[in-house]
Amino acid sequence: MNEFSLMGKIAVVTGGGSGLGREICLALAGAGADVVIAGRRPGPINEVAAEIVKSGQRAAAIPTDVTDSGQVNSLIEKALAEFGKIDILVNNAGIAKGVDPSGNDVLAPPARSLWELSDEDWSYSIATNLTGTFYCCRAVARHMLERKSGKVINLSSMGAIRVVKGMFGYCTAKAGVIAFTKTLAITWAGDNIQVNCIAPGFLPVVEMAPEMRARTERFFPMGRFGIPREIGPLAVYLASSASDYVTGQFFPLDGAAGATYAPTGYLPGT
């Protein structure tokens, strides 16, 4: 079990203030890592950092918008200045929302027609879900290559494989994350840096109406939705030396939902 220990490791997790990112941060810290939590909102990332420090590990919260390469570069520079190294990078930041004309996140429904998709919504989704992952990997690349050591975990989605009607930007960006992961993995394979991808299925991070849950859970092979904390052990495995011979891989975390078929219109968002 020592192969799964992250004692002495430093991890950077984007989008770590809430949802699956929070669960990943806590799991990595629970395995012994010190964690740098990045996110756009200071409040949530500070709360996660405080929880990690309370558990006995070191943590730092650094407000970062991953769509801004300057902020990403600053994130990596600050992490290195405070902790001296980066062993693990988790590119979790992502969004399935749209953006209004003022630049605010909105829970925009999927576009019914392609011509309804604005330039802003398309660009925002690609920038947050795909380009941000590229920015973070680029920013940490020289450091990991010089050390000949590193673990990169990118977050895609089962929406990259089983697409949702009208979610053009999100599904396209998440599919791009898979291709980017594979390309980076083979590029860095000889440098002792492993790059892998987790593709969560339906792991709701907010409460659902009981009738909605009952109506949809029966279409999942395991008869239930995923639990957000279930992503943590997989992240620990991919961040640890237990996965040293695993790279360029795509790990669905969906209770076999992607291995079967459900009629369109029954699963959430279809």
Foldseek 3Di string as FASTA:
>chain_A
DVQLAQAPAEEEFEPLLAFLNVLQLVLNLVSHYEYEYEEQDQVSQVVSQVVSVVVPHHYHYQYAQLLDLVRLLVSVVVSCVVSVAHAEYELDFADLFFADPVGDTDRDAFDQDPVVDDPRRLVVRLSGLAVSLVSNCVSCVVRCLVVLHHFYEYEAACCLVVNFPRSVRNNVNSVNSLVVQLVVQVVSVVSQYAGEYEHEYFADRDDDDPVLQQQQLCLAPVSHFHHSSVVNVVSSCRSGSVCSVDHSYYHYHTNCSSVDDDDPPRHPRD
